Protein backbone atom coordinates (compact mmCIF):
# COMPACT_ATOMS: atom_id res chain seq x y z
CA MET A 1 -1.89 -49.58 -88.26
CA GLU A 2 0.23 -46.50 -87.48
CA LEU A 3 2.07 -48.36 -84.71
CA VAL A 4 2.87 -51.31 -86.97
CA GLU A 5 4.06 -49.01 -89.74
CA HIS A 6 6.19 -47.06 -87.26
CA TYR A 7 8.10 -50.16 -86.19
CA LEU A 8 8.34 -51.61 -89.70
CA GLU A 9 9.86 -48.32 -90.89
CA ARG A 10 12.42 -48.41 -88.09
CA ILE A 11 13.27 -52.02 -88.91
CA ASP A 12 13.72 -51.10 -92.61
CA ARG A 13 15.95 -48.17 -91.72
CA LEU A 14 18.05 -49.55 -88.87
CA ASP A 15 18.12 -53.33 -88.92
CA GLY A 16 20.60 -53.57 -91.78
CA ASP A 17 23.26 -52.44 -89.29
CA LEU A 18 22.01 -54.65 -86.45
CA GLY A 19 20.73 -57.99 -87.77
CA THR A 20 18.01 -58.41 -85.16
CA PHE A 21 15.45 -60.11 -87.45
CA VAL A 22 16.01 -63.28 -89.51
CA THR A 23 12.44 -63.53 -90.85
CA ARG A 24 10.00 -60.65 -91.28
CA THR A 25 6.23 -60.96 -91.63
CA GLU A 26 5.21 -57.51 -92.87
CA ASP A 27 2.26 -58.69 -94.96
CA SER A 28 0.58 -60.64 -92.19
CA ALA A 29 1.36 -57.83 -89.72
CA ARG A 30 -0.42 -55.29 -91.91
CA THR A 31 -3.37 -57.62 -92.45
CA THR A 32 -3.67 -58.20 -88.70
CA ALA A 33 -3.33 -54.47 -88.03
CA LYS A 34 -6.33 -53.77 -90.30
CA GLN A 35 -8.35 -56.39 -88.41
CA VAL A 36 -7.31 -54.75 -85.15
CA GLU A 37 -8.47 -51.36 -86.38
CA ARG A 38 -11.89 -52.75 -87.32
CA ARG A 39 -12.28 -54.39 -83.92
CA LEU A 40 -11.24 -51.18 -82.17
CA MET A 41 -14.02 -49.32 -83.94
CA GLU A 42 -16.55 -52.00 -83.05
CA SER A 43 -15.58 -52.62 -79.41
CA ASP A 44 -15.35 -50.84 -76.10
CA ALA A 45 -11.65 -50.29 -75.43
CA ASP A 46 -12.11 -51.50 -71.85
CA GLU A 47 -13.18 -54.92 -73.17
CA LEU A 48 -9.97 -55.47 -75.16
CA PRO A 49 -6.78 -57.10 -73.86
CA ARG A 50 -4.09 -54.73 -72.60
CA LEU A 51 -1.67 -55.75 -75.36
CA PHE A 52 -4.26 -55.40 -78.13
CA GLY A 53 -2.57 -54.10 -81.30
CA MET A 54 0.96 -54.01 -79.87
CA PRO A 55 3.76 -55.20 -82.20
CA ILE A 56 6.09 -57.96 -81.02
CA GLY A 57 8.86 -60.24 -82.25
CA TYR A 58 9.14 -63.99 -81.62
CA LYS A 59 12.49 -65.66 -81.08
CA ASP A 60 13.63 -67.95 -83.91
CA LEU A 61 13.77 -70.86 -81.44
CA THR A 62 10.03 -70.48 -80.78
CA MET A 63 7.58 -72.36 -83.00
CA THR A 64 5.21 -70.18 -85.04
CA ALA A 65 2.51 -71.77 -87.21
CA GLY A 66 3.12 -71.12 -90.91
CA VAL A 67 6.18 -68.95 -90.25
CA ARG A 68 9.69 -70.25 -90.86
CA THR A 69 11.47 -71.20 -87.63
CA MET A 70 15.12 -72.03 -88.33
CA LEU A 71 16.48 -72.34 -84.78
CA GLY A 72 19.32 -70.16 -86.01
CA SER A 73 20.59 -73.00 -88.21
CA ALA A 74 21.41 -73.46 -91.89
CA ALA A 75 20.30 -77.07 -91.39
CA LEU A 76 16.70 -75.97 -90.76
CA THR A 77 16.06 -73.18 -93.23
CA ASP A 78 13.00 -75.02 -94.60
CA ASN A 79 11.40 -75.65 -91.20
CA VAL A 80 7.85 -74.23 -91.14
CA PRO A 81 5.97 -75.51 -88.08
CA PRO A 82 2.26 -76.37 -88.41
CA PHE A 83 1.57 -75.20 -84.84
CA ASP A 84 2.25 -72.33 -82.45
CA ALA A 85 4.16 -72.72 -79.23
CA ASP A 86 1.83 -72.09 -76.29
CA VAL A 87 3.57 -68.81 -75.57
CA VAL A 88 2.85 -67.60 -79.12
CA ALA A 89 -0.79 -68.75 -78.97
CA LEU A 90 -1.26 -66.88 -75.69
CA LEU A 91 0.27 -63.71 -77.08
CA ARG A 92 -1.94 -63.91 -80.15
CA GLN A 93 -4.95 -64.22 -77.81
CA ALA A 94 -3.68 -61.12 -76.02
CA GLY A 95 -3.94 -59.24 -79.32
CA VAL A 96 -0.30 -58.66 -80.25
CA ILE A 97 0.86 -58.35 -83.85
CA GLY A 98 3.94 -60.35 -84.82
CA LEU A 99 6.46 -58.54 -87.02
CA GLY A 100 8.75 -61.52 -87.50
CA LYS A 101 11.33 -63.83 -85.95
CA THR A 102 14.27 -62.40 -84.02
CA ALA A 103 17.79 -63.74 -84.32
CA THR A 104 19.19 -66.48 -82.13
CA SER A 105 22.40 -68.46 -82.03
CA GLU A 106 22.30 -71.92 -83.60
CA MET A 107 20.11 -74.14 -81.39
CA GLY A 108 20.57 -71.50 -78.69
CA ILE A 109 24.01 -72.91 -77.83
CA SER A 110 26.24 -69.86 -78.21
CA ILE A 111 25.87 -66.73 -76.11
CA SER A 112 26.48 -64.58 -79.18
CA CYS A 113 24.08 -64.52 -82.15
CA GLU A 114 26.44 -65.25 -85.03
CA PRO A 115 24.58 -67.85 -87.12
CA ASP A 116 25.38 -68.96 -90.67
CA ILE A 117 21.91 -68.02 -91.90
CA ALA A 118 22.28 -64.26 -91.34
CA PRO A 119 24.78 -61.55 -90.39
CA PRO A 120 25.75 -61.39 -86.71
CA THR A 121 23.44 -59.51 -84.39
CA ARG A 122 25.19 -56.34 -83.29
CA ASN A 123 24.87 -54.26 -80.15
CA PRO A 124 22.93 -51.01 -80.75
CA TRP A 125 25.22 -49.17 -78.33
CA ARG A 126 28.32 -50.02 -80.38
CA THR A 127 28.00 -52.16 -83.46
CA ASP A 128 31.43 -53.78 -83.30
CA LEU A 129 30.26 -55.47 -80.08
CA MET A 130 28.00 -58.49 -79.78
CA ALA A 131 24.40 -58.25 -78.62
CA GLY A 132 24.64 -61.52 -76.68
CA GLY A 133 22.54 -64.63 -77.00
CA SER A 134 20.69 -66.64 -77.44
CA SER A 135 17.83 -64.08 -77.29
CA GLY A 136 20.18 -61.52 -78.80
CA GLY A 137 17.90 -60.43 -81.63
CA ALA A 138 15.09 -59.77 -79.16
CA ALA A 139 17.22 -57.68 -76.78
CA ALA A 140 18.92 -55.67 -79.54
CA ALA A 141 15.60 -54.96 -81.28
CA VAL A 142 14.04 -53.66 -78.07
CA ALA A 143 17.12 -51.60 -77.19
CA ALA A 144 17.18 -49.99 -80.65
CA GLY A 145 13.47 -49.21 -80.64
CA LEU A 146 12.60 -51.71 -83.37
CA LEU A 147 10.10 -53.36 -81.02
CA PRO A 148 8.37 -52.18 -77.83
CA PHE A 149 9.08 -55.57 -76.23
CA ALA A 150 9.83 -59.11 -77.35
CA GLN A 151 9.44 -62.77 -76.49
CA GLY A 152 12.57 -64.75 -75.69
CA SER A 153 13.66 -67.84 -73.81
CA ASP A 154 16.33 -68.64 -71.25
CA GLY A 155 18.05 -72.00 -70.76
CA GLY A 156 21.26 -70.75 -69.15
CA GLY A 157 21.05 -66.96 -69.21
CA SER A 158 19.71 -66.44 -72.73
CA LEU A 159 17.33 -63.62 -71.74
CA ARG A 160 19.42 -61.99 -69.03
CA LEU A 161 22.77 -62.02 -70.83
CA PRO A 162 21.72 -60.07 -73.97
CA ALA A 163 19.57 -57.78 -71.84
CA ALA A 164 22.67 -56.86 -69.83
CA LEU A 165 24.69 -56.14 -72.96
CA CYS A 166 21.92 -54.16 -74.67
CA GLY A 167 20.69 -52.13 -71.68
CA VAL A 168 17.17 -53.57 -71.33
CA VAL A 169 15.26 -55.78 -68.89
CA GLY A 170 15.50 -59.54 -69.40
CA TYR A 171 13.29 -61.65 -67.13
CA LYS A 172 13.49 -65.40 -66.52
CA PRO A 173 10.33 -66.47 -64.64
CA THR A 174 10.07 -69.21 -62.04
CA ARG A 175 9.99 -72.70 -63.54
CA GLY A 176 6.36 -73.53 -64.32
CA VAL A 177 5.09 -69.95 -64.64
CA VAL A 178 5.22 -70.00 -68.46
CA SER A 179 4.49 -73.06 -70.61
CA HIS A 180 7.11 -74.62 -72.89
CA GLY A 181 4.44 -76.64 -74.74
CA PRO A 182 2.64 -77.99 -76.60
CA LEU A 183 5.41 -80.11 -78.17
CA HIS A 184 8.61 -79.83 -76.19
CA SER A 185 10.64 -82.25 -74.13
CA GLY A 186 10.86 -79.99 -71.10
CA MET A 187 14.67 -80.29 -71.22
CA PHE A 188 15.00 -81.07 -67.51
CA GLY A 189 13.10 -77.88 -66.64
CA MET A 190 16.02 -75.63 -67.47
CA PRO A 191 14.69 -73.47 -70.37
CA ILE A 192 11.71 -71.20 -69.91
CA ASN A 193 10.03 -68.55 -72.04
CA GLY A 194 10.08 -64.98 -70.81
CA PRO A 195 9.88 -61.30 -71.75
CA VAL A 196 12.37 -58.64 -72.80
CA GLY A 197 11.31 -55.03 -72.26
CA ARG A 198 12.65 -51.51 -71.94
CA THR A 199 11.01 -51.04 -68.54
CA VAL A 200 9.93 -53.24 -65.66
CA ALA A 201 6.28 -52.34 -66.30
CA ASP A 202 6.52 -53.41 -69.96
CA THR A 203 8.17 -56.65 -68.87
CA ALA A 204 5.49 -57.36 -66.26
CA LEU A 205 2.73 -56.60 -68.78
CA LEU A 206 4.15 -59.12 -71.24
CA LEU A 207 4.63 -61.68 -68.47
CA ASP A 208 0.97 -61.34 -67.51
CA ALA A 209 -0.03 -62.37 -71.03
CA ILE A 210 2.08 -65.55 -71.07
CA ALA A 211 1.89 -66.64 -67.41
CA VAL A 212 -1.18 -68.77 -68.02
CA PRO A 213 -1.32 -72.35 -66.62
CA MET A 214 -1.62 -74.89 -69.43
CA PRO A 215 -2.88 -78.48 -69.09
CA GLY A 216 -0.32 -81.25 -68.95
CA GLU A 217 2.75 -79.16 -68.17
CA PRO A 218 5.43 -81.14 -66.27
CA TYR A 219 5.88 -78.39 -63.65
CA PHE A 220 3.03 -76.93 -61.62
CA SER A 221 2.37 -73.22 -61.87
CA PRO A 222 2.80 -71.24 -58.64
CA PRO A 223 -0.21 -69.19 -57.50
CA PRO A 224 -0.74 -65.87 -59.31
CA PRO A 225 0.03 -62.61 -57.51
CA SER A 226 -2.48 -61.65 -54.82
CA GLU A 227 -2.88 -58.28 -56.59
CA GLY A 228 -4.32 -60.07 -59.63
CA SER A 229 -1.46 -59.44 -62.05
CA TYR A 230 2.30 -58.95 -62.11
CA LEU A 231 1.77 -55.41 -63.37
CA ALA A 232 -0.46 -54.59 -60.38
CA ALA A 233 2.09 -56.15 -58.02
CA LEU A 234 4.80 -53.66 -58.98
CA GLY A 235 3.65 -51.36 -56.20
CA ARG A 236 3.91 -54.09 -53.55
CA PRO A 237 5.76 -52.95 -50.36
CA LEU A 238 9.30 -54.24 -50.10
CA LYS A 239 8.55 -56.21 -46.94
CA ARG A 240 8.52 -59.83 -45.84
CA ALA A 241 5.26 -61.46 -44.75
CA ASP A 242 6.06 -60.55 -41.12
CA GLY A 243 6.53 -56.88 -42.01
CA GLN A 244 10.31 -56.97 -41.74
CA PRO A 245 12.53 -55.59 -44.54
CA LEU A 246 13.38 -57.86 -47.44
CA ARG A 247 16.71 -59.60 -46.93
CA VAL A 248 19.11 -59.22 -49.86
CA GLY A 249 22.14 -61.51 -49.94
CA ARG A 250 24.85 -60.32 -52.28
CA HIS A 251 27.97 -61.88 -53.74
CA ALA A 252 30.18 -61.30 -56.78
CA GLN A 253 31.93 -64.67 -56.82
CA PRO A 254 31.61 -66.40 -60.23
CA MET A 255 29.76 -69.69 -59.92
CA LEU A 256 30.47 -71.61 -63.14
CA ALA A 257 34.08 -70.62 -63.83
CA ASP A 258 37.17 -69.46 -62.00
CA CYS A 259 37.59 -66.03 -63.55
CA PRO A 260 38.01 -62.34 -62.68
CA VAL A 261 35.11 -59.88 -62.70
CA ASP A 262 35.62 -56.53 -64.44
CA SER A 263 36.02 -53.60 -62.03
CA GLU A 264 33.27 -51.61 -63.77
CA VAL A 265 30.92 -54.56 -63.32
CA ILE A 266 31.78 -54.63 -59.60
CA ARG A 267 31.05 -50.92 -59.29
CA ALA A 268 27.61 -51.40 -60.85
CA TRP A 269 26.92 -54.32 -58.50
CA GLU A 270 27.96 -52.27 -55.46
CA HIS A 271 25.79 -49.37 -56.64
CA ALA A 272 22.80 -51.71 -56.85
CA GLY A 273 23.41 -52.83 -53.27
CA THR A 274 23.48 -49.21 -52.11
CA LEU A 275 20.22 -48.52 -53.93
CA LEU A 276 18.56 -51.52 -52.28
CA GLU A 277 19.66 -50.30 -48.85
CA SER A 278 18.20 -46.87 -49.64
CA LEU A 279 14.89 -48.60 -50.42
CA GLY A 280 14.81 -50.13 -46.95
CA CYS A 281 16.14 -53.59 -47.74
CA GLU A 282 18.60 -55.36 -45.48
CA VAL A 283 21.68 -56.03 -47.63
CA PHE A 284 24.44 -58.38 -46.50
CA ASP A 285 27.17 -60.57 -47.99
CA VAL A 286 26.60 -64.28 -48.61
CA ALA A 287 28.83 -67.03 -49.90
CA ALA A 288 28.29 -68.07 -53.52
CA PRO A 289 25.93 -71.08 -53.35
CA PHE A 290 27.59 -72.85 -56.33
CA ASP A 291 31.27 -73.27 -57.18
CA PRO A 292 33.14 -73.51 -60.51
CA SER A 293 33.34 -77.31 -60.35
CA LEU A 294 29.70 -77.31 -61.49
CA GLY A 295 30.57 -75.53 -64.77
CA PRO A 296 31.67 -78.60 -66.77
CA VAL A 297 28.68 -80.60 -65.48
CA PHE A 298 26.23 -77.93 -66.62
CA GLN A 299 28.08 -77.71 -69.94
CA ARG A 300 27.70 -81.44 -70.52
CA ILE A 301 23.97 -81.39 -69.74
CA PHE A 302 23.51 -78.40 -72.01
CA ALA A 303 25.24 -80.36 -74.78
CA ILE A 304 22.73 -83.18 -74.31
CA LEU A 305 19.90 -80.69 -74.70
CA ALA A 306 21.29 -79.73 -78.13
CA ALA A 307 21.44 -83.33 -79.37
CA MET A 308 18.12 -83.38 -81.21
CA PRO A 309 17.95 -86.11 -83.90
CA MET A 310 19.06 -84.89 -87.31
CA PRO A 311 19.76 -86.61 -90.68
CA PRO A 312 23.49 -86.76 -91.61
CA GLU A 313 23.02 -84.51 -94.65
CA ARG A 314 21.65 -81.79 -92.36
CA GLU A 315 24.23 -82.39 -89.64
CA ARG A 316 26.96 -81.33 -92.07
CA LYS A 317 25.40 -77.86 -92.22
CA LEU A 318 25.78 -77.27 -88.48
CA GLN A 319 28.36 -74.87 -87.08
CA PRO A 320 31.54 -76.29 -85.49
CA LEU A 321 30.39 -75.50 -81.94
CA THR A 322 27.05 -77.26 -82.46
CA ARG A 323 28.72 -80.35 -83.92
CA TYR A 324 31.22 -80.38 -81.05
CA VAL A 325 28.62 -80.29 -78.28
CA ARG A 326 26.55 -82.94 -80.06
CA GLU A 327 29.63 -85.16 -80.18
CA GLN A 328 30.10 -84.58 -76.45
CA ALA A 329 26.49 -85.57 -75.83
CA ALA A 330 26.87 -88.78 -77.85
CA GLU A 331 29.59 -89.91 -75.44
CA VAL A 332 27.23 -89.84 -72.45
CA SER A 333 25.22 -92.98 -71.69
CA ALA A 334 21.69 -92.96 -70.29
CA THR A 335 23.02 -93.79 -66.84
CA GLY A 336 25.59 -91.03 -67.32
CA VAL A 337 22.81 -88.53 -67.97
CA LEU A 338 21.08 -89.59 -64.76
CA GLY A 339 24.33 -89.19 -62.87
CA LEU A 340 24.88 -85.67 -64.23
CA LEU A 341 21.31 -84.69 -63.39
CA SER A 342 21.75 -86.07 -59.89
CA GLN A 343 24.84 -83.90 -59.40
CA LEU A 344 23.01 -80.81 -60.55
CA GLN A 345 19.92 -81.54 -58.48
CA ASN A 346 21.94 -82.14 -55.33
CA ALA A 347 23.91 -78.94 -55.90
CA SER A 348 20.64 -77.06 -56.38
CA ARG A 349 19.24 -78.45 -53.13
CA ALA A 350 22.34 -77.39 -51.24
CA ALA A 351 22.23 -73.92 -52.77
CA MET A 352 18.59 -73.33 -51.89
CA ARG A 353 19.14 -74.51 -48.33
CA ALA A 354 22.14 -72.21 -47.96
CA LEU A 355 19.91 -69.27 -49.03
CA ILE A 356 16.86 -70.28 -47.00
CA ASP A 357 16.71 -66.94 -45.18
CA VAL A 358 17.44 -64.77 -48.23
CA ASP A 359 14.61 -63.11 -50.18
CA ILE A 360 16.68 -61.64 -53.03
CA VAL A 361 20.15 -62.56 -54.29
CA LEU A 362 22.19 -59.77 -55.87
CA THR A 363 25.04 -60.56 -58.28
CA PRO A 364 26.50 -59.15 -61.48
CA THR A 365 24.82 -60.50 -64.60
CA LEU A 366 28.13 -61.03 -66.42
CA ALA A 367 31.81 -61.02 -65.53
CA ALA A 368 32.68 -58.56 -68.33
CA VAL A 369 31.13 -55.42 -69.76
CA SER A 370 31.03 -56.69 -73.33
CA ALA A 371 33.00 -58.44 -76.08
CA PRO A 372 33.52 -57.90 -79.81
CA ILE A 373 31.80 -59.84 -82.56
CA GLY A 374 33.80 -63.02 -83.12
CA TYR A 375 35.37 -63.13 -79.66
CA PHE A 376 34.16 -66.64 -78.86
CA THR A 377 35.09 -68.14 -82.24
CA GLU A 378 38.39 -66.40 -82.90
CA THR A 379 40.59 -69.40 -81.97
CA GLY A 380 38.56 -71.85 -84.06
CA ASP A 381 38.53 -74.28 -81.12
CA PRO A 382 35.02 -75.18 -79.88
CA ALA A 383 36.39 -76.22 -76.47
CA GLU A 384 37.94 -72.77 -76.07
CA HIS A 385 34.65 -71.24 -77.25
CA LEU A 386 32.80 -72.98 -74.41
CA LEU A 387 35.43 -72.03 -71.83
CA ARG A 388 35.23 -68.38 -72.86
CA GLN A 389 31.46 -68.53 -72.58
CA ARG A 390 31.62 -69.84 -69.00
CA GLN A 391 34.14 -67.17 -68.06
CA PHE A 392 32.06 -64.43 -69.67
CA SER A 393 28.78 -65.60 -68.11
CA PRO A 394 29.51 -67.43 -64.83
CA PHE A 395 26.48 -66.16 -62.88
CA CYS A 396 23.31 -66.84 -64.90
CA ALA A 397 22.93 -70.60 -65.40
CA PRO A 398 22.51 -71.65 -61.73
CA TYR A 399 19.06 -70.05 -61.73
CA ASN A 400 18.05 -72.40 -64.54
CA LEU A 401 19.11 -75.31 -62.33
CA THR A 402 17.18 -74.15 -59.25
CA GLY A 403 14.17 -72.85 -61.21
CA GLN A 404 14.25 -69.52 -59.38
CA PRO A 405 13.11 -66.32 -61.07
CA ALA A 406 15.99 -64.05 -62.12
CA VAL A 407 16.26 -60.74 -63.93
CA SER A 408 18.94 -58.49 -65.40
CA LEU A 409 18.45 -54.75 -64.93
CA PRO A 410 20.50 -51.98 -66.68
CA LEU A 411 21.61 -50.34 -63.45
CA GLY A 412 25.23 -49.67 -64.43
CA TRP A 413 26.98 -47.71 -67.18
CA THR A 414 30.59 -47.45 -68.23
CA GLY A 415 32.36 -44.14 -68.57
CA ASP A 416 31.87 -44.27 -72.34
CA GLY A 417 28.18 -45.11 -72.09
CA LEU A 418 27.89 -48.89 -72.41
CA PRO A 419 25.21 -50.56 -70.26
CA ILE A 420 26.11 -52.95 -67.45
CA GLY A 421 23.57 -55.44 -66.17
CA VAL A 422 22.99 -56.32 -62.53
CA MET A 423 21.14 -59.54 -61.69
CA LEU A 424 18.56 -60.20 -59.01
CA GLY A 425 17.29 -63.67 -58.15
CA GLY A 426 14.16 -64.34 -56.13
CA ARG A 427 12.55 -67.18 -54.23
CA PRO A 428 10.82 -69.79 -56.41
CA GLY A 429 7.26 -68.69 -57.11
CA GLU A 430 7.79 -65.19 -55.74
CA ASP A 431 8.07 -63.47 -59.11
CA ALA A 432 5.76 -60.66 -57.99
CA THR A 433 8.07 -59.71 -55.11
CA LEU A 434 11.11 -59.80 -57.38
CA LEU A 435 9.40 -57.59 -59.95
CA ALA A 436 8.30 -55.15 -57.21
CA VAL A 437 11.94 -54.80 -56.17
CA CYS A 438 12.88 -54.21 -59.81
CA ALA A 439 10.22 -51.50 -60.16
CA ALA A 440 11.48 -49.74 -57.03
CA LEU A 441 15.04 -49.84 -58.36
CA GLU A 442 13.93 -48.41 -61.69
CA GLU A 443 12.14 -45.58 -59.92
CA ALA A 444 15.26 -44.86 -57.87
CA ALA A 445 17.64 -45.01 -60.85
CA PRO A 446 15.62 -44.64 -64.10
CA TRP A 447 17.07 -45.92 -67.35
CA ALA A 448 14.20 -45.63 -69.85
CA ASP A 449 15.45 -42.29 -71.17
CA ARG A 450 18.86 -43.74 -72.08
CA HIS A 451 19.07 -44.66 -75.76
CA PRO A 452 21.83 -45.99 -78.02
CA PRO A 453 23.25 -43.52 -80.54
CA MET A 454 21.23 -44.95 -83.45
CA TRP A 455 17.92 -44.36 -81.61
């Protein structure tokens, strides 16, 4: 109970300045906490799940039985699902206590959480700056100490991007590791649920709870770590199967837009490469496996993913960007969709073959350090909004196409104290190796003691 009350008090005191929650479930959290206390008194602690009694937040895109799930939209303020998403059901089984729903952008389309249903989500490090999206509420809440960790999802960078801006760990697992069921289209395998945490260990612990194979999923789950859990695998040696050092290919060439990369971002990326060399990895330059011509193709497919059926009276409540991308999607025929998917699949094949001898790919997470609230919408032109998004985040989305695991780590900091994310991508199914590299980097350059001013 004390832990729940601690976080609820922090939410009461701090979230008015941040906007990380759109729905709070204090009553059910307190009821569950009392049940947890009774079970703790009746059970051997060793028999309980590792997450037993830990508070958490669920992203507003994630279905929660009996709890309003608005998808960040004024068109869906009355949406109360009768079922839990698999990821929520698994976390409940692990013993967590939900404190509410964290903010997202409308339908997860924008990379800044500025919905019509609530104030914009602000960055705890500087509240005139955005927290990112679409898992912006989750990342900002963890960074500000309103949650120990949070559930999010990533369809084009939506975990990694806000993690980079807020100075936390955002992890996108390999496609198939975490279920997107029980009622979900699969969306071409691009979105996946994943954890946000302050540390790599917290992130791995949360991943262990949700990385459970579920019947009927469209993508097979890779084998679990040989150590038995992702948390246990954090101490894995940074070696290939033949005992040779891990090979890290690095590049800082934007992949979805032709745009510059901020010099402070480049310095953080170079620092990460130096750290990896100090850990015994072989670090070398590689060519970017995707080029900016893929950006508009990905944008069109992402628009199609947002085109869920909706009555006209609700459609009028959507934000301009959402309406714009839905109009774009309506222009694409069924054969056009297949053609776009073919382009993306062929590009993904070529990229994976180009990196066949690379264990880890090192890039910046974003092209810029941050941006103010309203930056993407200031012109009022949805097409410009999308272009600015691609130029701000030109590195993340390719990993959603290939299905590789990818993570943003807060390994860089500006002179005035803003976090800078660095991204690592791993081989498909080798999440444990990627997380072991992350743990070694955290040990070499710790960040857990860095807190935003409001902490």
